[in-house]
């Protein structure tokens, strides 16, 4: 792999991942660079991303029991949908990957990856990004009273939470508010405060059943 394309933070991310996840992450990473020789690695929102011409091509994410991989852009969404690969969450159309056997054949993956790069190279992705869109009005983030009270007791977490983006704060608020049982809510509050204090984002919407970012 060309060192100019790689990011040592991605190496560290893979090394930190669970043993089952490491070969999946490594394999997808190698295929991406094979199919998209101009793509560069970076880290966004705590996850590895592949970027070409300042446009996101794809992302990787390792969780407690699965790995997620997905492409960005409406062109790829349409292409994959034609082949029955529809994302059930924002993390990607390939589902929860727990082993290399869960991946499509390399030939198919390389084709998808190459097409994703071609959409950027041809300018189609930039046109879709630059096309003016009507801004959607979002409601202000409503912080659950339990989370607000817990944040007041932790100065570090409170400061980090205030510096999060609205979408990041909203993810935590929705996660806490969705807990139906008191014991579940208390467990999530403890986890949330620990992660917030470390400046970590939470992607609860991507897996409402169970979602814990690897530490």
N, C-alpha and C. Protein backbone atom coordinates (compact mmCIF):
# COMPACT_ATOMS: atom_id res chain seq x y z
N UNK A 1 0.84 -1.20 0.00
CA UNK A 1 0.00 0.00 0.00
C UNK A 1 0.87 1.25 0.00
N UNK A 2 0.54 2.24 -0.82
CA UNK A 2 1.27 3.48 -0.86
C UNK A 2 1.10 4.21 0.46
N UNK A 3 2.23 4.53 1.11
CA UNK A 3 2.17 5.22 2.40
C UNK A 3 1.50 6.58 2.30
N UNK A 4 1.56 7.19 1.11
CA UNK A 4 0.94 8.49 0.93
C UNK A 4 -0.59 8.38 0.97
N UNK A 5 -1.10 7.20 0.69
CA UNK A 5 -2.54 6.99 0.69
C UNK A 5 -3.06 6.56 2.06
N UNK A 6 -2.19 5.92 2.84
CA UNK A 6 -2.63 5.36 4.11
C UNK A 6 -2.55 6.39 5.22
N UNK A 7 -3.25 6.10 6.29
CA UNK A 7 -3.29 6.97 7.46
C UNK A 7 -2.96 6.11 8.67
N UNK A 8 -1.93 6.44 9.44
CA UNK A 8 -1.57 5.62 10.59
C UNK A 8 -2.70 5.48 11.61
N UNK A 9 -3.62 6.43 11.62
CA UNK A 9 -4.76 6.33 12.53
C UNK A 9 -5.67 5.16 12.16
N UNK A 10 -5.70 4.82 10.87
CA UNK A 10 -6.49 3.66 10.44
C UNK A 10 -5.80 2.38 10.89
N UNK A 11 -4.46 2.36 10.83
CA UNK A 11 -3.72 1.20 11.35
C UNK A 11 -4.07 0.99 12.81
N UNK A 12 -4.06 2.07 13.57
CA UNK A 12 -4.35 1.98 15.00
C UNK A 12 -5.79 1.53 15.24
N UNK A 13 -6.70 2.00 14.41
CA UNK A 13 -8.12 1.62 14.54
C UNK A 13 -8.28 0.11 14.33
N UNK A 14 -7.62 -0.41 13.32
CA UNK A 14 -7.73 -1.84 13.03
C UNK A 14 -7.10 -2.68 14.14
N UNK A 15 -5.95 -2.22 14.64
CA UNK A 15 -5.28 -2.94 15.72
C UNK A 15 -6.13 -2.97 16.98
N UNK A 16 -6.94 -1.94 17.16
CA UNK A 16 -7.78 -1.81 18.35
C UNK A 16 -9.08 -2.61 18.23
N UNK A 17 -9.43 -2.98 17.02
CA UNK A 17 -10.69 -3.69 16.78
C UNK A 17 -10.63 -5.11 17.33
N UNK A 18 -11.80 -5.71 17.49
CA UNK A 18 -11.89 -7.08 17.97
C UNK A 18 -11.21 -8.03 16.97
N UNK A 19 -10.69 -9.15 17.43
CA UNK A 19 -9.98 -10.09 16.54
C UNK A 19 -10.80 -10.49 15.31
N UNK A 20 -12.11 -10.71 15.47
CA UNK A 20 -12.92 -11.13 14.32
C UNK A 20 -12.99 -10.03 13.27
N UNK A 21 -12.90 -8.76 13.72
CA UNK A 21 -13.09 -7.62 12.82
C UNK A 21 -11.84 -7.28 12.02
N UNK A 22 -10.68 -7.58 12.56
CA UNK A 22 -9.43 -7.15 11.93
C UNK A 22 -9.25 -7.67 10.50
N UNK A 23 -9.46 -8.97 10.23
CA UNK A 23 -9.28 -9.42 8.84
C UNK A 23 -10.31 -8.81 7.89
N UNK A 24 -11.50 -8.52 8.36
CA UNK A 24 -12.52 -7.90 7.50
C UNK A 24 -12.09 -6.49 7.14
N UNK A 25 -11.70 -5.73 8.16
CA UNK A 25 -11.26 -4.34 7.93
C UNK A 25 -10.05 -4.30 7.02
N UNK A 26 -9.10 -5.17 7.27
CA UNK A 26 -7.86 -5.20 6.46
C UNK A 26 -8.17 -5.55 5.01
N UNK A 27 -9.02 -6.54 4.81
CA UNK A 27 -9.35 -6.98 3.45
C UNK A 27 -10.07 -5.87 2.68
N UNK A 28 -11.05 -5.25 3.29
CA UNK A 28 -11.79 -4.17 2.61
C UNK A 28 -10.87 -2.99 2.33
N UNK A 29 -9.98 -2.71 3.25
CA UNK A 29 -9.02 -1.61 3.06
C UNK A 29 -8.13 -1.88 1.85
N UNK A 30 -7.63 -3.10 1.74
CA UNK A 30 -6.76 -3.45 0.61
C UNK A 30 -7.51 -3.40 -0.71
N UNK A 31 -8.73 -3.88 -0.73
CA UNK A 31 -9.53 -3.85 -1.96
C UNK A 31 -9.82 -2.41 -2.38
N UNK A 32 -10.11 -1.54 -1.40
CA UNK A 32 -10.40 -0.14 -1.72
C UNK A 32 -9.21 0.51 -2.43
N UNK A 33 -8.02 0.26 -1.93
CA UNK A 33 -6.85 0.89 -2.55
C UNK A 33 -6.52 0.25 -3.90
N UNK A 34 -6.89 -1.00 -4.06
CA UNK A 34 -6.68 -1.67 -5.35
C UNK A 34 -7.65 -1.11 -6.39
N UNK A 35 -8.90 -0.90 -6.00
CA UNK A 35 -9.91 -0.43 -6.94
C UNK A 35 -9.91 1.09 -7.11
N UNK A 36 -9.48 1.79 -6.07
CA UNK A 36 -9.51 3.27 -6.08
C UNK A 36 -8.11 3.79 -5.77
N UNK A 37 -7.18 3.72 -6.70
CA UNK A 37 -5.79 4.10 -6.43
C UNK A 37 -5.60 5.56 -6.05
N UNK A 38 -6.58 6.41 -6.31
CA UNK A 38 -6.45 7.82 -5.95
C UNK A 38 -7.09 8.14 -4.61
N UNK A 39 -7.73 7.15 -4.01
CA UNK A 39 -8.42 7.38 -2.73
C UNK A 39 -7.41 7.50 -1.59
N UNK A 40 -7.68 8.40 -0.68
CA UNK A 40 -6.84 8.62 0.50
C UNK A 40 -7.62 8.21 1.75
N UNK A 41 -6.89 7.76 2.74
CA UNK A 41 -7.52 7.40 4.01
C UNK A 41 -7.58 8.60 4.94
N UNK A 42 -8.60 8.61 5.78
CA UNK A 42 -8.68 9.62 6.82
C UNK A 42 -9.59 9.08 7.91
N UNK A 43 -9.72 9.81 9.00
CA UNK A 43 -10.63 9.44 10.08
C UNK A 43 -11.66 10.54 10.26
N UNK A 44 -12.93 10.17 10.28
CA UNK A 44 -14.02 11.11 10.53
C UNK A 44 -14.98 10.45 11.51
N UNK A 45 -15.41 11.21 12.52
CA UNK A 45 -16.38 10.70 13.48
C UNK A 45 -15.91 9.39 14.11
N UNK A 46 -14.59 9.27 14.25
CA UNK A 46 -14.04 8.09 14.91
C UNK A 46 -13.98 6.85 14.05
N UNK A 47 -14.19 6.97 12.73
CA UNK A 47 -14.20 5.81 11.83
C UNK A 47 -13.29 6.07 10.64
N UNK A 48 -12.76 5.00 10.00
CA UNK A 48 -11.95 5.17 8.79
C UNK A 48 -12.83 5.53 7.59
N UNK A 49 -12.35 6.48 6.81
CA UNK A 49 -13.03 6.89 5.58
C UNK A 49 -12.04 6.89 4.43
N UNK A 50 -12.57 6.71 3.21
CA UNK A 50 -11.78 6.81 1.99
C UNK A 50 -12.30 8.01 1.22
N UNK A 51 -11.39 8.92 0.88
CA UNK A 51 -11.76 10.19 0.26
C UNK A 51 -10.99 10.38 -1.03
N UNK A 52 -11.69 10.83 -2.06
CA UNK A 52 -11.04 11.13 -3.34
C UNK A 52 -11.49 12.52 -3.79
N UNK A 53 -10.52 13.36 -4.11
CA UNK A 53 -10.82 14.73 -4.55
C UNK A 53 -11.73 15.44 -3.53
N UNK A 54 -11.42 15.21 -2.25
CA UNK A 54 -12.16 15.82 -1.14
C UNK A 54 -13.61 15.38 -1.05
N UNK A 55 -13.94 14.25 -1.67
CA UNK A 55 -15.30 13.71 -1.62
C UNK A 55 -15.23 12.30 -1.03
N UNK A 56 -16.12 12.00 -0.10
CA UNK A 56 -16.13 10.70 0.56
C UNK A 56 -16.56 9.61 -0.43
N UNK A 57 -15.75 8.57 -0.50
CA UNK A 57 -16.07 7.42 -1.34
C UNK A 57 -16.79 6.35 -0.52
N UNK A 58 -16.20 5.99 0.64
CA UNK A 58 -16.74 4.91 1.44
C UNK A 58 -16.22 5.02 2.87
N UNK A 59 -16.77 4.21 3.75
CA UNK A 59 -16.34 4.20 5.15
C UNK A 59 -16.31 2.78 5.69
N UNK A 60 -15.57 2.62 6.78
CA UNK A 60 -15.52 1.37 7.52
C UNK A 60 -15.86 1.67 8.98
N UNK A 61 -16.42 0.68 9.66
CA UNK A 61 -16.69 0.85 11.09
C UNK A 61 -16.70 -0.49 11.79
N UNK A 62 -16.01 -0.58 12.91
CA UNK A 62 -15.97 -1.81 13.70
C UNK A 62 -16.76 -1.62 14.98
N UNK A 63 -17.61 -2.58 15.27
CA UNK A 63 -18.42 -2.54 16.47
C UNK A 63 -18.13 -3.77 17.32
N UNK A 64 -18.89 -3.94 18.38
CA UNK A 64 -18.62 -5.02 19.32
C UNK A 64 -18.76 -6.39 18.68
N UNK A 65 -19.77 -6.56 17.81
CA UNK A 65 -20.01 -7.87 17.23
C UNK A 65 -20.08 -7.86 15.70
N UNK A 66 -19.85 -6.72 15.06
CA UNK A 66 -19.92 -6.70 13.61
C UNK A 66 -19.12 -5.55 13.04
N UNK A 67 -18.89 -5.64 11.73
CA UNK A 67 -18.23 -4.59 10.97
C UNK A 67 -19.23 -4.07 9.93
N UNK A 68 -19.16 -2.78 9.65
CA UNK A 68 -20.02 -2.19 8.63
C UNK A 68 -19.15 -1.53 7.56
N UNK A 69 -19.61 -1.60 6.33
CA UNK A 69 -18.91 -0.98 5.20
C UNK A 69 -19.96 -0.40 4.26
N UNK A 70 -19.74 0.82 3.81
CA UNK A 70 -20.73 1.42 2.94
C UNK A 70 -20.16 2.50 2.05
N UNK A 71 -20.86 2.76 0.95
CA UNK A 71 -20.48 3.79 -0.01
C UNK A 71 -21.34 5.04 0.22
N UNK A 72 -20.86 6.14 -0.30
CA UNK A 72 -21.58 7.40 -0.18
C UNK A 72 -22.02 7.87 -1.56
N UNK A 73 -23.13 8.57 -1.60
CA UNK A 73 -23.60 9.16 -2.86
C UNK A 73 -24.81 8.46 -3.43
N UNK A 74 -25.72 9.21 -4.06
CA UNK A 74 -26.94 8.64 -4.63
C UNK A 74 -26.69 7.66 -5.78
N UNK A 75 -25.61 7.88 -6.53
CA UNK A 75 -25.30 7.00 -7.65
C UNK A 75 -25.02 5.58 -7.19
N UNK A 76 -24.26 5.45 -6.10
CA UNK A 76 -23.95 4.12 -5.58
C UNK A 76 -25.19 3.48 -4.95
N UNK A 77 -25.99 4.29 -4.34
CA UNK A 77 -27.22 3.77 -3.72
C UNK A 77 -28.13 3.14 -4.78
N UNK A 78 -28.24 3.80 -5.92
CA UNK A 78 -29.07 3.27 -7.01
C UNK A 78 -28.47 2.00 -7.60
N UNK A 79 -27.15 2.01 -7.79
CA UNK A 79 -26.48 0.84 -8.37
C UNK A 79 -26.66 -0.39 -7.49
N UNK A 80 -26.42 -0.22 -6.20
CA UNK A 80 -26.52 -1.35 -5.28
C UNK A 80 -27.97 -1.81 -5.11
N UNK A 81 -28.90 -0.87 -5.17
CA UNK A 81 -30.31 -1.24 -5.04
C UNK A 81 -30.74 -2.15 -6.17
N UNK A 82 -30.19 -1.93 -7.37
CA UNK A 82 -30.52 -2.78 -8.51
C UNK A 82 -30.08 -4.22 -8.28
N UNK A 83 -29.09 -4.39 -7.42
CA UNK A 83 -28.59 -5.74 -7.14
C UNK A 83 -29.13 -6.27 -5.81
N UNK A 84 -30.14 -5.58 -5.30
CA UNK A 84 -30.77 -6.04 -4.06
C UNK A 84 -30.03 -5.69 -2.80
N UNK A 85 -29.06 -4.80 -2.90
CA UNK A 85 -28.28 -4.38 -1.73
C UNK A 85 -28.79 -3.02 -1.27
N UNK A 86 -29.72 -3.05 -0.35
CA UNK A 86 -30.32 -1.83 0.16
C UNK A 86 -29.94 -1.67 1.62
N UNK A 87 -29.41 -0.51 1.96
CA UNK A 87 -28.97 -0.27 3.34
C UNK A 87 -30.16 -0.25 4.29
N UNK A 88 -30.08 -1.03 5.35
CA UNK A 88 -31.11 -1.02 6.38
C UNK A 88 -30.80 0.00 7.46
N UNK A 89 -29.62 0.58 7.39
CA UNK A 89 -29.22 1.65 8.30
C UNK A 89 -28.23 2.53 7.56
N UNK A 90 -27.79 3.59 8.19
CA UNK A 90 -26.86 4.51 7.52
C UNK A 90 -25.45 3.95 7.43
N UNK A 91 -25.22 2.77 7.97
CA UNK A 91 -23.88 2.22 7.98
C UNK A 91 -23.53 1.42 6.74
N UNK A 92 -24.48 1.11 5.88
CA UNK A 92 -24.10 0.42 4.65
C UNK A 92 -25.05 -0.68 4.24
N UNK A 93 -24.96 -1.11 2.97
CA UNK A 93 -25.89 -2.09 2.40
C UNK A 93 -25.49 -3.55 2.55
N UNK A 94 -24.35 -3.81 3.18
CA UNK A 94 -23.87 -5.19 3.25
C UNK A 94 -24.23 -5.87 4.56
N UNK A 95 -24.99 -5.21 5.39
CA UNK A 95 -25.43 -5.80 6.64
C UNK A 95 -24.32 -5.89 7.67
N UNK A 96 -24.58 -6.63 8.73
CA UNK A 96 -23.59 -6.81 9.79
C UNK A 96 -22.59 -7.87 9.37
N UNK A 97 -21.35 -7.47 9.21
CA UNK A 97 -20.30 -8.37 8.75
C UNK A 97 -19.55 -8.92 9.96
N UNK A 98 -19.61 -10.23 10.14
CA UNK A 98 -18.92 -10.84 11.28
C UNK A 98 -17.77 -11.75 10.84
N UNK A 99 -17.65 -11.99 9.52
CA UNK A 99 -16.53 -12.78 9.00
C UNK A 99 -16.37 -12.44 7.52
N UNK A 100 -15.25 -12.85 6.95
CA UNK A 100 -15.00 -12.59 5.54
C UNK A 100 -16.04 -13.29 4.65
N UNK A 101 -16.64 -14.35 5.17
CA UNK A 101 -17.65 -15.08 4.39
C UNK A 101 -18.92 -14.25 4.17
N UNK A 102 -19.11 -13.23 4.99
CA UNK A 102 -20.30 -12.39 4.86
C UNK A 102 -20.18 -11.38 3.72
N UNK A 103 -18.97 -11.21 3.20
CA UNK A 103 -18.74 -10.23 2.14
C UNK A 103 -19.12 -10.79 0.77
N UNK A 104 -19.51 -9.92 -0.16
CA UNK A 104 -19.70 -10.35 -1.55
C UNK A 104 -18.35 -10.80 -2.12
N UNK A 105 -18.34 -11.48 -3.25
CA UNK A 105 -17.08 -11.88 -3.88
C UNK A 105 -16.19 -10.67 -4.15
N UNK A 106 -14.89 -10.87 -4.10
CA UNK A 106 -13.95 -9.77 -4.34
C UNK A 106 -14.22 -9.09 -5.68
N UNK A 107 -14.54 -9.88 -6.69
CA UNK A 107 -14.80 -9.32 -8.02
C UNK A 107 -15.93 -8.30 -7.97
N UNK A 108 -16.99 -8.63 -7.23
CA UNK A 108 -18.12 -7.71 -7.11
C UNK A 108 -17.72 -6.47 -6.32
N UNK A 109 -17.02 -6.67 -5.22
CA UNK A 109 -16.61 -5.54 -4.39
C UNK A 109 -15.71 -4.59 -5.16
N UNK A 110 -14.76 -5.14 -5.90
CA UNK A 110 -13.86 -4.30 -6.70
C UNK A 110 -14.64 -3.51 -7.75
N UNK A 111 -15.65 -4.12 -8.31
CA UNK A 111 -16.49 -3.44 -9.30
C UNK A 111 -17.24 -2.28 -8.66
N UNK A 112 -17.84 -2.52 -7.49
CA UNK A 112 -18.55 -1.47 -6.77
C UNK A 112 -17.61 -0.32 -6.41
N UNK A 113 -16.46 -0.68 -5.89
CA UNK A 113 -15.49 0.33 -5.46
C UNK A 113 -14.99 1.16 -6.63
N UNK A 114 -14.70 0.49 -7.74
CA UNK A 114 -14.23 1.20 -8.92
C UNK A 114 -15.30 2.14 -9.46
N UNK A 115 -16.55 1.70 -9.44
CA UNK A 115 -17.64 2.54 -9.91
C UNK A 115 -17.80 3.77 -9.02
N UNK A 116 -17.64 3.58 -7.71
CA UNK A 116 -17.74 4.70 -6.78
C UNK A 116 -16.67 5.75 -7.08
N UNK A 117 -15.46 5.29 -7.39
CA UNK A 117 -14.38 6.22 -7.74
C UNK A 117 -14.65 6.90 -9.07
N UNK A 118 -15.20 6.15 -10.03
CA UNK A 118 -15.51 6.72 -11.35
C UNK A 118 -16.55 7.83 -11.26
N UNK A 119 -17.51 7.68 -10.36
CA UNK A 119 -18.54 8.71 -10.21
C UNK A 119 -17.93 10.03 -9.75
N UNK A 120 -16.88 9.93 -8.95
CA UNK A 120 -16.19 11.15 -8.51
C UNK A 120 -15.29 11.67 -9.61
N UNK A 121 -14.55 10.77 -10.25
CA UNK A 121 -13.63 11.16 -11.32
C UNK A 121 -14.35 11.86 -12.46
N UNK A 122 -15.57 11.39 -12.78
CA UNK A 122 -16.33 11.97 -13.88
C UNK A 122 -17.02 13.28 -13.52
N UNK A 123 -17.03 13.59 -12.23
CA UNK A 123 -17.68 14.84 -11.81
C UNK A 123 -19.13 14.67 -11.41
N UNK A 124 -19.70 13.48 -11.57
CA UNK A 124 -21.11 13.27 -11.24
C UNK A 124 -21.39 13.47 -9.76
N UNK A 125 -20.49 13.01 -8.90
CA UNK A 125 -20.71 13.17 -7.46
C UNK A 125 -20.65 14.63 -7.06
N UNK A 126 -19.71 15.37 -7.65
CA UNK A 126 -19.59 16.78 -7.30
C UNK A 126 -20.83 17.55 -7.71
N UNK A 127 -21.39 17.21 -8.88
CA UNK A 127 -22.61 17.87 -9.33
C UNK A 127 -23.76 17.62 -8.36
N UNK A 128 -23.87 16.39 -7.87
CA UNK A 128 -24.96 16.08 -6.95
C UNK A 128 -24.76 16.77 -5.61
N UNK A 129 -23.49 16.95 -5.21
CA UNK A 129 -23.20 17.63 -3.95
C UNK A 129 -23.48 19.12 -4.06
N UNK A 130 -23.10 19.71 -5.21
CA UNK A 130 -23.23 21.15 -5.38
C UNK A 130 -24.63 21.59 -5.78
N UNK A 131 -25.49 20.62 -6.17
CA UNK A 131 -26.85 20.99 -6.55
C UNK A 131 -27.56 21.60 -5.35
N UNK A 132 -28.09 22.80 -5.50
CA UNK A 132 -28.73 23.46 -4.36
C UNK A 132 -29.93 22.67 -3.85
N UNK A 133 -30.01 22.54 -2.54
CA UNK A 133 -31.11 21.84 -1.91
C UNK A 133 -31.77 22.74 -0.87
N UNK A 134 -33.04 22.56 -0.73
CA UNK A 134 -33.76 23.33 0.26
C UNK A 134 -33.39 22.82 1.65
N UNK A 135 -32.89 23.70 2.45
CA UNK A 135 -32.46 23.31 3.78
C UNK A 135 -33.65 22.89 4.64
N UNK A 136 -33.51 21.74 5.26
CA UNK A 136 -34.58 21.24 6.13
C UNK A 136 -34.42 21.84 7.51
N UNK A 137 -35.51 22.28 8.07
CA UNK A 137 -35.48 22.87 9.40
C UNK A 137 -35.50 21.75 10.44
N UNK A 138 -34.49 21.76 11.29
CA UNK A 138 -34.42 20.75 12.33
C UNK A 138 -34.84 21.35 13.67
N UNK A 139 -35.54 20.53 14.43
CA UNK A 139 -35.98 20.99 15.74
C UNK A 139 -34.77 21.06 16.67
N UNK A 140 -34.79 22.00 17.61
CA UNK A 140 -33.68 22.08 18.58
C UNK A 140 -33.55 20.76 19.34
N UNK A 141 -32.33 20.46 19.73
CA UNK A 141 -32.08 19.23 20.47
C UNK A 141 -32.71 19.33 21.85
N UNK A 142 -33.58 18.36 22.18
CA UNK A 142 -34.21 18.31 23.49
C UNK A 142 -33.46 17.31 24.36
N UNK A 143 -32.76 17.79 25.36
CA UNK A 143 -31.96 16.93 26.21
C UNK A 143 -32.85 16.31 27.29
N UNK A 144 -32.93 14.98 27.37
CA UNK A 144 -33.72 14.33 28.42
C UNK A 144 -33.29 14.82 29.80
N UNK A 145 -34.24 14.97 30.70
CA UNK A 145 -33.92 15.51 32.02
C UNK A 145 -32.91 14.65 32.77
N UNK A 146 -32.97 13.33 32.55
CA UNK A 146 -32.02 12.44 33.23
C UNK A 146 -30.59 12.69 32.74
N UNK A 147 -30.44 12.90 31.42
CA UNK A 147 -29.12 13.17 30.87
C UNK A 147 -28.62 14.54 31.32
N UNK A 148 -29.51 15.52 31.32
CA UNK A 148 -29.13 16.87 31.75
C UNK A 148 -28.65 16.86 33.19
N UNK A 149 -29.38 16.14 34.06
CA UNK A 149 -29.01 16.08 35.47
C UNK A 149 -27.66 15.38 35.66
N UNK A 150 -27.41 14.33 34.87
CA UNK A 150 -26.15 13.59 34.98
C UNK A 150 -24.99 14.43 34.46
N UNK A 151 -25.22 15.17 33.40
CA UNK A 151 -24.17 16.04 32.84
C UNK A 151 -23.77 17.13 33.83
N UNK A 152 -24.74 17.63 34.58
CA UNK A 152 -24.46 18.68 35.56
C UNK A 152 -23.48 18.21 36.63
N UNK A 153 -23.45 16.91 36.86
CA UNK A 153 -22.57 16.36 37.89
C UNK A 153 -21.18 16.03 37.36
N UNK A 154 -20.98 16.16 36.06
CA UNK A 154 -19.69 15.81 35.46
C UNK A 154 -19.25 16.97 34.57
N UNK A 155 -18.36 17.78 35.08
CA UNK A 155 -17.93 18.99 34.36
C UNK A 155 -17.27 18.67 33.03
N UNK A 156 -16.43 17.63 33.00
CA UNK A 156 -15.73 17.27 31.77
C UNK A 156 -16.71 16.84 30.70
N UNK A 157 -17.66 15.97 31.07
CA UNK A 157 -18.65 15.49 30.11
C UNK A 157 -19.56 16.63 29.65
N UNK A 158 -19.92 17.50 30.58
CA UNK A 158 -20.79 18.62 30.24
C UNK A 158 -20.15 19.55 29.22
N UNK A 159 -18.86 19.81 29.40
CA UNK A 159 -18.14 20.67 28.46
C UNK A 159 -18.03 20.01 27.09
N UNK A 160 -17.71 18.70 27.07
CA UNK A 160 -17.57 17.98 25.80
C UNK A 160 -18.91 17.93 25.07
N UNK A 161 -19.99 17.68 25.82
CA UNK A 161 -21.32 17.60 25.22
C UNK A 161 -21.71 18.92 24.57
N UNK A 162 -21.37 20.02 25.21
CA UNK A 162 -21.69 21.34 24.68
C UNK A 162 -20.94 21.63 23.39
N UNK A 163 -19.78 21.00 23.22
CA UNK A 163 -18.96 21.24 22.03
C UNK A 163 -19.32 20.29 20.88
N UNK A 164 -20.14 19.27 21.16
CA UNK A 164 -20.57 18.35 20.11
C UNK A 164 -21.44 19.08 19.08
N UNK A 165 -21.50 18.54 17.87
CA UNK A 165 -22.41 19.06 16.86
C UNK A 165 -23.85 18.74 17.26
N UNK A 166 -24.84 19.48 16.75
CA UNK A 166 -26.24 19.19 17.08
C UNK A 166 -26.63 17.74 16.79
N UNK A 167 -26.13 17.19 15.66
CA UNK A 167 -26.49 15.82 15.31
C UNK A 167 -25.91 14.82 16.31
N UNK A 168 -24.71 15.10 16.80
CA UNK A 168 -24.08 14.22 17.77
C UNK A 168 -24.83 14.27 19.10
N UNK A 169 -25.20 15.48 19.54
CA UNK A 169 -25.97 15.61 20.78
C UNK A 169 -27.33 14.93 20.63
N UNK A 170 -27.94 15.08 19.45
CA UNK A 170 -29.25 14.48 19.21
C UNK A 170 -29.18 12.95 19.31
N UNK A 171 -28.09 12.36 18.80
CA UNK A 171 -27.95 10.90 18.84
C UNK A 171 -27.94 10.40 20.28
N UNK A 172 -27.20 11.09 21.14
CA UNK A 172 -27.18 10.70 22.55
C UNK A 172 -28.55 10.86 23.19
N UNK A 173 -29.21 11.98 22.91
CA UNK A 173 -30.51 12.26 23.51
C UNK A 173 -31.54 11.22 23.09
N UNK A 174 -31.55 10.85 21.82
CA UNK A 174 -32.50 9.85 21.34
C UNK A 174 -32.22 8.50 21.96
N UNK A 175 -30.95 8.16 22.13
CA UNK A 175 -30.56 6.89 22.72
C UNK A 175 -31.07 6.77 24.15
N UNK A 176 -30.87 7.84 24.91
CA UNK A 176 -31.31 7.84 26.30
C UNK A 176 -32.84 7.85 26.37
N UNK A 177 -33.48 8.69 25.58
CA UNK A 177 -34.93 8.81 25.62
C UNK A 177 -35.64 7.52 25.20
N UNK A 178 -34.99 6.71 24.37
CA UNK A 178 -35.63 5.50 23.85
C UNK A 178 -35.63 4.34 24.85
N UNK A 179 -34.86 4.47 25.93
CA UNK A 179 -34.82 3.39 26.93
C UNK A 179 -36.17 3.28 27.62
N UNK A 180 -36.75 2.10 27.59
CA UNK A 180 -38.09 1.91 28.16
C UNK A 180 -38.04 1.54 29.64
N UNK A 181 -37.03 0.79 30.04
CA UNK A 181 -36.94 0.38 31.44
C UNK A 181 -35.97 1.27 32.21
N UNK A 182 -36.28 1.57 33.47
CA UNK A 182 -35.40 2.44 34.27
C UNK A 182 -33.97 1.93 34.34
N UNK A 183 -33.80 0.59 34.48
CA UNK A 183 -32.45 0.05 34.58
C UNK A 183 -31.68 0.20 33.27
N UNK A 184 -32.42 0.10 32.14
CA UNK A 184 -31.78 0.31 30.84
C UNK A 184 -31.34 1.76 30.69
N UNK A 185 -32.20 2.66 31.13
CA UNK A 185 -31.87 4.09 31.03
C UNK A 185 -30.65 4.42 31.88
N UNK A 186 -30.58 3.87 33.08
CA UNK A 186 -29.44 4.14 33.95
C UNK A 186 -28.14 3.57 33.36
N UNK A 187 -28.24 2.38 32.76
CA UNK A 187 -27.06 1.79 32.14
C UNK A 187 -26.58 2.66 30.98
N UNK A 188 -27.53 3.13 30.16
CA UNK A 188 -27.16 3.99 29.03
C UNK A 188 -26.59 5.32 29.49
N UNK A 189 -27.13 5.84 30.60
CA UNK A 189 -26.60 7.10 31.12
C UNK A 189 -25.15 6.93 31.54
N UNK A 190 -24.84 5.82 32.20
CA UNK A 190 -23.44 5.58 32.62
C UNK A 190 -22.53 5.46 31.40
N UNK A 191 -22.98 4.71 30.40
CA UNK A 191 -22.18 4.55 29.18
C UNK A 191 -22.02 5.87 28.45
N UNK A 192 -23.10 6.63 28.38
CA UNK A 192 -23.08 7.91 27.66
C UNK A 192 -22.10 8.88 28.30
N UNK A 193 -22.17 9.02 29.62
CA UNK A 193 -21.29 9.97 30.30
C UNK A 193 -19.83 9.59 30.10
N UNK A 194 -19.54 8.29 30.16
CA UNK A 194 -18.16 7.85 29.95
C UNK A 194 -17.67 8.19 28.55
N UNK A 195 -18.51 7.92 27.54
CA UNK A 195 -18.13 8.19 26.14
C UNK A 195 -18.05 9.69 25.86
N UNK A 196 -19.02 10.45 26.39
CA UNK A 196 -19.04 11.90 26.17
C UNK A 196 -17.79 12.53 26.77
N UNK A 197 -17.43 12.11 27.97
CA UNK A 197 -16.25 12.68 28.64
C UNK A 197 -14.98 12.44 27.83
N UNK A 198 -14.98 11.35 27.03
CA UNK A 198 -13.83 11.05 26.18
C UNK A 198 -13.94 11.71 24.80
N UNK A 199 -15.04 12.46 24.59
CA UNK A 199 -15.23 13.15 23.32
C UNK A 199 -15.67 12.24 22.20
N UNK A 200 -16.27 11.08 22.55
CA UNK A 200 -16.68 10.12 21.53
C UNK A 200 -18.11 10.35 21.09
N UNK A 201 -18.34 10.23 19.78
CA UNK A 201 -19.69 10.32 19.24
C UNK A 201 -20.40 8.99 19.44
N UNK A 202 -21.72 9.01 19.34
CA UNK A 202 -22.52 7.79 19.47
C UNK A 202 -23.40 7.64 18.25
N UNK A 203 -23.45 6.42 17.69
CA UNK A 203 -24.18 6.17 16.45
C UNK A 203 -25.35 5.23 16.70
N UNK A 204 -26.12 5.52 17.74
CA UNK A 204 -27.22 4.65 18.12
C UNK A 204 -28.22 4.43 17.00
N UNK A 205 -28.50 5.42 16.17
CA UNK A 205 -29.50 5.28 15.12
C UNK A 205 -29.12 4.21 14.10
N UNK A 206 -27.84 3.87 14.04
CA UNK A 206 -27.40 2.90 13.05
C UNK A 206 -27.67 1.47 13.51
N UNK A 207 -27.91 1.25 14.78
CA UNK A 207 -28.25 -0.08 15.26
C UNK A 207 -28.97 0.07 16.59
N UNK A 208 -30.30 0.16 16.55
CA UNK A 208 -31.08 0.44 17.74
C UNK A 208 -31.12 -0.75 18.70
N UNK A 209 -30.81 -1.93 18.21
CA UNK A 209 -30.86 -3.10 19.08
C UNK A 209 -29.66 -3.17 19.99
N UNK A 210 -28.49 -2.96 19.43
CA UNK A 210 -27.27 -3.03 20.23
C UNK A 210 -26.17 -2.32 19.49
N UNK A 211 -25.51 -1.38 20.15
CA UNK A 211 -24.48 -0.63 19.46
C UNK A 211 -23.49 -0.12 20.47
N UNK A 212 -22.31 -0.63 20.45
CA UNK A 212 -21.27 -0.14 21.34
C UNK A 212 -20.01 0.05 20.51
N UNK A 213 -19.49 1.26 20.47
CA UNK A 213 -18.27 1.52 19.74
C UNK A 213 -17.12 0.87 20.48
N UNK A 214 -16.24 0.23 19.76
CA UNK A 214 -15.09 -0.43 20.39
C UNK A 214 -14.20 0.61 21.05
N UNK A 215 -13.71 0.28 22.21
CA UNK A 215 -12.78 1.16 22.90
C UNK A 215 -11.40 0.52 22.96
